[in-house]
C-alpha atoms as a PDB file:
ATOM      1  CA  MET A   1      -8.651  10.195 -26.082  1.00  0.00           C
ATOM      2  CA  ILE A   2      -8.196  13.762 -24.857  1.00  0.00           C
ATOM      3  CA  VAL A   3      -8.864  15.171 -28.345  1.00  0.00           C
ATOM      4  CA  LYS A   4     -12.022  13.079 -28.760  1.00  0.00           C
ATOM      5  CA  SER A   5     -13.315  14.154 -25.348  1.00  0.00           C
ATOM      6  CA  THR A   6     -12.644  17.842 -26.123  1.00  0.00           C
ATOM      7  CA  ILE A   7     -14.439  17.608 -29.476  1.00  0.00           C
ATOM      8  CA  ALA A   8     -17.388  15.843 -27.862  1.00  0.00           C
ATOM      9  CA  ASP A   9     -17.587  18.442 -25.067  1.00  0.00           C
ATOM     10  CA  THR A  10     -17.420  21.308 -27.571  1.00  0.00           C
ATOM     11  CA  TYR A  11     -20.137  19.667 -29.659  1.00  0.00           C
ATOM     12  CA  ILE A  12     -22.442  19.223 -26.627  1.00  0.00           C
ATOM     13  CA  ILE A  13     -21.898  22.848 -25.484  1.00  0.00           C
ATOM     14  CA  GLY A  14     -22.610  24.060 -29.034  1.00  0.00           C
ATOM     15  CA  VAL A  15     -25.825  22.017 -29.320  1.00  0.00           C
ATOM     16  CA  ASN A  16     -27.004  23.241 -25.856  1.00  0.00           C
ATOM     17  CA  THR A  17     -26.310  26.861 -26.859  1.00  0.00           C
ATOM     18  CA  ILE A  18     -28.270  26.490 -30.096  1.00  0.00           C
ATOM     19  CA  LEU A  19     -31.141  24.833 -28.208  1.00  0.00           C
ATOM     20  CA  CYS A  20     -31.246  27.668 -25.649  1.00  0.00           C
ATOM     21  CA  ILE A  21     -31.360  30.290 -28.443  1.00  0.00           C
ATOM     22  CA  LEU A  22     -34.150  28.440 -30.248  1.00  0.00           C
ATOM     23  CA  VAL A  23     -36.146  28.016 -27.010  1.00  0.00           C
ATOM     24  CA  LYS A  24     -35.815  31.711 -26.143  1.00  0.00           C
ATOM     25  CA  LYS A  25     -37.026  32.709 -29.615  1.00  0.00           C
ATOM     26  CA  TYR A  26     -39.911  30.251 -29.274  1.00  0.00           C
ATOM     27  CA  LEU A  27     -40.816  31.642 -25.850  1.00  0.00           C
ATOM     28  CA  THR A  28     -41.257  35.176 -27.159  1.00  0.00           C
ATOM     29  CA  ARG A  29     -44.292  33.846 -29.048  1.00  0.00           C
ATOM     30  CA  ILE A  30     -45.994  31.878 -26.250  1.00  0.00           C
ATOM     31  CA  GLN A  31     -47.762  32.665 -23.023  1.00  0.00           C
ATOM     32  CA  LEU A  32     -45.749  31.748 -19.932  1.00  0.00           C
ATOM     33  CA  LEU A  33     -47.132  28.868 -17.851  1.00  0.00           C
ATOM     34  CA  LYS A  34     -48.674  29.325 -14.404  1.00  0.00           C
ATOM     35  CA  THR A  35     -48.657  27.007 -11.404  1.00  0.00           C
ATOM     36  CA  VAL A  36     -52.091  25.601 -12.289  1.00  0.00           C
ATOM     37  CA  ASP A  37     -50.820  24.725 -15.777  1.00  0.00           C
ATOM     38  CA  LEU A  38     -48.048  22.657 -14.194  1.00  0.00           C
ATOM     39  CA  GLU A  39     -50.521  20.976 -11.838  1.00  0.00           C
ATOM     40  CA  ILE A  40     -52.826  19.919 -14.665  1.00  0.00           C
ATOM     41  CA  ALA A  41     -49.908  18.741 -16.810  1.00  0.00           C
ATOM     42  CA  ILE A  42     -48.588  16.483 -14.015  1.00  0.00           C
ATOM     43  CA  ALA A  43     -52.075  15.170 -13.235  1.00  0.00           C
ATOM     44  CA  LYS A  44     -52.437  14.168 -16.878  1.00  0.00           C
ATOM     45  CA  MET A  45     -48.965  12.646 -17.026  1.00  0.00           C
ATOM     46  CA  LEU A  46     -49.692  10.489 -13.942  1.00  0.00           C
ATOM     47  CA  ARG A  47     -53.122   9.645 -15.398  1.00  0.00           C
ATOM     48  CA  VAL A  48     -54.936  11.095 -12.406  1.00  0.00           C
ATOM     49  CA  LEU A  49     -56.730  13.152 -15.041  1.00  0.00           C
ATOM     50  CA  PRO A  50     -57.378  11.807 -18.576  1.00  0.00           C
ATOM     51  CA  LYS A  51     -54.847  12.976 -21.157  1.00  0.00           C
ATOM     52  CA  ARG A  52     -57.601  13.506 -23.709  1.00  0.00           C
ATOM     53  CA  LYS A  53     -61.356  13.800 -23.789  1.00  0.00           C
ATOM     54  CA  ASN A  54     -63.059  10.514 -22.852  1.00  0.00           C
ATOM     55  CA  GLY A  55     -59.656   9.084 -21.849  1.00  0.00           C
ATOM     56  CA  ASN A  56     -59.085   6.717 -18.949  1.00  0.00           C
ATOM     57  CA  CYS A  57     -57.627   7.469 -15.513  1.00  0.00           C
ATOM     58  CA  SER A  58     -55.531   5.128 -13.393  1.00  0.00           C
ATOM     59  CA  ALA A  59     -57.072   3.696 -10.222  1.00  0.00           C
ATOM     60  CA  ASN A  60     -55.477   2.870  -6.846  1.00  0.00           C
ATOM     61  CA  LYS A  61     -53.357   6.027  -6.666  1.00  0.00           C
ATOM     62  CA  PHE A  62     -54.014   9.686  -6.118  1.00  0.00           C
ATOM     63  CA  LEU A  63     -52.442  13.138  -6.371  1.00  0.00           C
ATOM     64  CA  LEU A  64     -53.067  15.708  -3.635  1.00  0.00           C
ATOM     65  CA  PRO A  65     -52.028  19.400  -3.817  1.00  0.00           C
ATOM     66  CA  ASN A  66     -50.531  21.395  -0.962  1.00  0.00           C
ATOM     67  CA  VAL A  67     -49.882  18.738   1.677  1.00  0.00           C
ATOM     68  CA  SER A  68     -48.015  19.429   4.925  1.00  0.00           C
ATOM     69  CA  TYR A  69     -49.873  18.838   8.186  1.00  0.00           C
ATOM     70  CA  GLY A  70     -51.971  16.148   6.520  1.00  0.00           C
ATOM     71  CA  LEU A  71     -48.904  13.921   6.545  1.00  0.00           C
ATOM     72  CA  GLY A  72     -47.132  15.463   9.511  1.00  0.00           C
ATOM     73  CA  LEU A  73     -44.435  17.171   7.413  1.00  0.00           C
ATOM     74  CA  ASN A  74     -42.644  20.368   8.412  1.00  0.00           C
ATOM     75  CA  PHE A  75     -42.781  21.690   4.836  1.00  0.00           C
ATOM     76  CA  GLU A  76     -45.438  21.829   2.179  1.00  0.00           C
ATOM     77  CA  CYS A  77     -45.502  19.482  -0.829  1.00  0.00           C
ATOM     78  CA  ASP A  78     -46.937  21.272  -3.884  1.00  0.00           C
ATOM     79  CA  LEU A  79     -48.154  17.943  -5.193  1.00  0.00           C
ATOM     80  CA  LEU A  80     -48.020  14.651  -3.282  1.00  0.00           C
ATOM     81  CA  TYR A  81     -48.420  11.541  -5.377  1.00  0.00           C
ATOM     82  CA  ILE A  82     -49.346   8.275  -3.652  1.00  0.00           C
ATOM     83  CA  THR A  83     -48.743   5.121  -5.700  1.00  0.00           C
ATOM     84  CA  LYS A  84     -50.802   1.933  -5.461  1.00  0.00           C
ATOM     85  CA  ASN A  85     -47.965   0.506  -3.298  1.00  0.00           C
ATOM     86  CA  ARG A  86     -48.446   3.409  -0.860  1.00  0.00           C
ATOM     87  CA  TYR A  87     -45.198   5.216  -1.567  1.00  0.00           C
ATOM     88  CA  ALA A  88     -45.260   9.040  -1.457  1.00  0.00           C
ATOM     89  CA  HIS A  89     -43.505  11.061  -4.165  1.00  0.00           C
ATOM     90  CA  GLU A  90     -43.240  14.846  -4.058  1.00  0.00           C
ATOM     91  CA  TYR A  91     -43.576  17.119  -7.085  1.00  0.00           C
ATOM     92  CA  GLU A  92     -42.238  20.612  -6.489  1.00  0.00           C
ATOM     93  CA  LEU A  93     -43.662  23.212  -8.889  1.00  0.00           C
ATOM     94  CA  LYS A  94     -41.498  26.195  -9.839  1.00  0.00           C
ATOM     95  CA  ILE A  95     -42.414  28.984 -12.253  1.00  0.00           C
ATOM     96  CA  SER A  96     -39.416  31.306 -11.743  1.00  0.00           C
ATOM     97  CA  LYS A  97     -35.655  31.119 -11.190  1.00  0.00           C
ATOM     98  CA  ASN A  98     -36.082  32.925  -7.887  1.00  0.00           C
ATOM     99  CA  ASP A  99     -38.499  30.189  -6.727  1.00  0.00           C
ATOM    100  CA  ILE A 100     -35.831  27.535  -7.341  1.00  0.00           C
ATOM    101  CA  ILE A 101     -33.118  29.515  -5.517  1.00  0.00           C
ATOM    102  CA  GLN A 102     -35.357  30.211  -2.485  1.00  0.00           C
ATOM    103  CA  ASP A 103     -36.388  26.553  -2.298  1.00  0.00           C
ATOM    104  CA  LYS A 104     -32.788  25.424  -2.341  1.00  0.00           C
ATOM    105  CA  ASP A 105     -31.930  27.659   0.630  1.00  0.00           C
ATOM    106  CA  LYS A 106     -35.090  26.738   2.540  1.00  0.00           C
ATOM    107  CA  ARG A 107     -34.736  22.957   2.115  1.00  0.00           C
ATOM    108  CA  ARG A 108     -31.029  22.659   2.925  1.00  0.00           C
ATOM    109  CA  HIS A 109     -31.769  21.493   6.469  1.00  0.00           C
ATOM    110  CA  ILE A 110     -35.245  20.000   5.983  1.00  0.00           C
ATOM    111  CA  PHE A 111     -34.624  16.584   4.393  1.00  0.00           C
ATOM    112  CA  SER A 112     -33.621  14.891   7.588  1.00  0.00           C
ATOM    113  CA  HIS A 113     -35.347  13.214  10.549  1.00  0.00           C
ATOM    114  CA  ILE A 114     -39.005  12.236  10.030  1.00  0.00           C
ATOM    115  CA  ASN A 115     -39.347  13.521   6.442  1.00  0.00           C
ATOM    116  CA  ASP A 116     -36.731  11.046   5.214  1.00  0.00           C
ATOM    117  CA  THR A 117     -39.024   8.168   6.081  1.00  0.00           C
ATOM    118  CA  LYS A 118     -42.144   9.457   4.270  1.00  0.00           C
ATOM    119  CA  ILE A 119     -41.052  10.926   0.935  1.00  0.00           C
ATOM    120  CA  ARG A 120     -39.563   8.399  -1.491  1.00  0.00           C
ATOM    121  CA  SER A 121     -38.553  10.843  -4.211  1.00  0.00           C
ATOM    122  CA  ARG A 122     -38.681  14.508  -5.120  1.00  0.00           C
ATOM    123  CA  THR A 123     -39.092  15.910  -8.637  1.00  0.00           C
ATOM    124  CA  PHE A 124     -38.985  19.531  -9.741  1.00  0.00           C
ATOM    125  CA  VAL A 125     -41.567  20.516 -12.353  1.00  0.00           C
ATOM    126  CA  ILE A 126     -40.630  23.606 -14.349  1.00  0.00           C
ATOM    127  CA  PRO A 127     -41.890  25.329 -17.499  1.00  0.00           C
ATOM    128  CA  VAL A 128     -39.776  25.121 -20.632  1.00  0.00           C
ATOM    129  CA  ASP A 129     -38.542  28.714 -20.216  1.00  0.00           C
ATOM    130  CA  LEU A 130     -36.609  27.641 -17.060  1.00  0.00           C
ATOM    131  CA  MET A 131     -34.717  24.796 -18.710  1.00  0.00           C
ATOM    132  CA  ASP A 132     -31.487  26.796 -18.394  1.00  0.00           C
ATOM    133  CA  CYS A 133     -31.944  26.784 -14.565  1.00  0.00           C
ATOM    134  CA  THR A 134     -31.720  23.028 -14.117  1.00  0.00           C
ATOM    135  CA  ASN A 135     -28.185  23.362 -12.681  1.00  0.00           C
ATOM    136  CA  LEU A 136     -29.787  24.959  -9.600  1.00  0.00           C
ATOM    137  CA  ILE A 137     -31.789  21.790  -8.846  1.00  0.00           C
ATOM    138  CA  PRO A 138     -30.211  19.239  -6.451  1.00  0.00           C
ATOM    139  CA  GLU A 139     -28.761  16.178  -8.205  1.00  0.00           C
ATOM    140  CA  LYS A 140     -30.882  13.690  -6.266  1.00  0.00           C
ATOM    141  CA  CYS A 141     -34.075  15.350  -7.511  1.00  0.00           C
ATOM    142  CA  GLY A 142     -35.806  14.588 -10.789  1.00  0.00           C
ATOM    143  CA  ILE A 143     -36.655  17.225 -13.403  1.00  0.00           C
ATOM    144  CA  ILE A 144     -39.759  17.427 -15.548  1.00  0.00           C
ATOM    145  CA  ILE A 145     -40.082  20.119 -18.240  1.00  0.00           C
ATOM    146  CA  VAL A 146     -43.623  21.199 -19.101  1.00  0.00           C
ATOM    147  CA  ASN A 147     -44.303  22.494 -22.610  1.00  0.00           C
ATOM    148  CA  PRO A 148     -46.979  25.104 -23.431  1.00  0.00           C
ATOM    149  CA  ASN A 149     -49.233  22.345 -24.811  1.00  0.00           C
ATOM    150  CA  SER A 150     -49.144  20.624 -21.348  1.00  0.00           C
ATOM    151  CA  THR A 151     -46.929  17.754 -22.423  1.00  0.00           C
ATOM    152  CA  CYS A 152     -44.278  16.701 -19.922  1.00  0.00           C
ATOM    153  CA  VAL A 153     -40.692  15.643 -20.641  1.00  0.00           C
ATOM    154  CA  LEU A 154     -38.734  13.797 -17.960  1.00  0.00           C
ATOM    155  CA  THR A 155     -35.158  15.044 -18.352  1.00  0.00           C
ATOM    156  CA  ARG A 156     -33.811  13.533 -15.155  1.00  0.00           C
ATOM    157  CA  LYS A 157     -35.238  10.729 -13.048  1.00  0.00           C
ATOM    158  CA  ALA A 158     -35.316  11.288  -9.284  1.00  0.00           C
ATOM    159  CA  LYS A 159     -33.171   9.083  -7.067  1.00  0.00           C
ATOM    160  CA  ASN A 160     -35.271   7.013  -4.669  1.00  0.00           C
ATOM    161  CA  ASN A 161     -34.790   7.659  -0.966  1.00  0.00           C
ATOM    162  CA  THR A 162     -33.727   4.284   0.469  1.00  0.00           C
ATOM    163  CA  LYS A 163     -34.914   5.333   3.934  1.00  0.00           C
ATOM    164  CA  ALA A 164     -38.493   5.904   2.769  1.00  0.00           C
ATOM    165  CA  ARG A 165     -41.161   3.468   3.892  1.00  0.00           C
ATOM    166  CA  GLN A 166     -44.606   2.664   2.623  1.00  0.00           C
ATOM    167  CA  LEU A 167     -47.285   4.879   4.119  1.00  0.00           C
ATOM    168  CA  THR A 168     -49.589   3.085   6.515  1.00  0.00           C
ATOM    169  CA  TYR A 169     -53.224   2.511   5.541  1.00  0.00           C
ATOM    170  CA  GLU A 170     -54.181   5.002   8.266  1.00  0.00           C
ATOM    171  CA  GLU A 171     -51.966   7.703   6.709  1.00  0.00           C
ATOM    172  CA  VAL A 172     -53.410   7.087   3.258  1.00  0.00           C
ATOM    173  CA  LEU A 173     -56.952   7.174   4.666  1.00  0.00           C
ATOM    174  CA  HIS A 174     -56.151  10.441   6.440  1.00  0.00           C
ATOM    175  CA  LEU A 175     -54.958  11.988   3.143  1.00  0.00           C
ATOM    176  CA  GLY A 176     -58.116  10.721   1.443  1.00  0.00           C
ATOM    177  CA  ASN A 177     -60.201  12.387   4.141  1.00  0.00           C
ATOM    178  CA  LEU A 178     -58.252  15.608   3.617  1.00  0.00           C
ATOM    179  CA  ALA A 179     -58.988  15.477  -0.119  1.00  0.00           C
ATOM    180  CA  ALA A 180     -62.699  14.846   0.539  1.00  0.00           C
ATOM    181  CA  MET A 181     -62.862  17.763   3.021  1.00  0.00           C
ATOM    182  CA  ARG A 182     -61.377  20.110   0.438  1.00  0.00           C
ATOM    183  CA  LEU A 183     -63.855  18.907  -2.175  1.00  0.00           C
ATOM    184  CA  TRP A 184     -66.833  19.496   0.143  1.00  0.00           C
ATOM    185  CA  LYS A 185     -65.542  22.973   1.086  1.00  0.00           C
ATOM    186  CA  PHE A 186     -65.397  23.764  -2.606  1.00  0.00           C
ATOM    187  CA  LYS A 187     -68.938  22.375  -3.116  1.00  0.00           C
ATOM    188  CA  LEU A 188     -70.203  24.419  -0.156  1.00  0.00           C
ATOM    189  CA  LYS A 189     -68.707  27.586  -1.649  1.00  0.00           C
ATOM    190  CA  GLN A 190     -70.366  26.806  -4.996  1.00  0.00           C
ATOM    191  CA  TRP A 191     -73.714  26.306  -3.254  1.00  0.00           C
ATOM    192  CA  GLN A 192     -73.356  29.533  -1.241  1.00  0.00           C
ATOM    193  CA  ASP A 193     -72.411  31.486  -4.374  1.00  0.00           C
ATOM    194  CA  SER A 194     -75.441  30.117  -6.243  1.00  0.00           C
ATOM    195  CA  LYS A 195     -77.751  31.244  -3.364  1.00  0.00           C
ATOM    196  CA  LYS A 196     -76.259  34.756  -3.497  1.00  0.00           C
ATOM    197  CA  LYS A 197     -77.010  35.006  -7.223  1.00  0.00           C
ATOM    198  CA  ILE A 198     -80.672  34.090  -6.622  1.00  0.00           C
ATOM    199  CA  THR A 199     -81.116  36.750  -3.923  1.00  0.00           C
END
């Protein structure tokens, strides 16, 4: 049994090393992903945006970027996903190794008290060039790798927080109002910019 285990471990380490070498060679030929690339990739994966032209989107759920005070949290969710059953799932977007390390230090004391009751799961979303940094991500968190073509690969499923509750209808409505406010601010800016061009 010990020999078989050693051979299996050696094989896995060898395969992982080869994969890392291949990925690094591949990355020298591609443009590195930005935060907005990760946002769009997740929105497509969750079918908040259509995956292809003229594709369908899912109803009864929404994805909201940069949420903190809107849900009474003492930290900011990069992306907050609300399911049709009113559960909140956080997607944390990281584009550098330093981002992941800083987040780990910052969040060490945060996931307690009120936040435990509102966020059901937490998943890190990282570009393919950070796949060798997954060991820095807490075990209870999920991991999604985003490829340069915007496809997502779930490499580890997040563990559900058993203390999390469904959001109330009032909380969901408040988040919807926040999304609408942001949209109208964007529309107002577009309108103001168009007036400047005329004058």
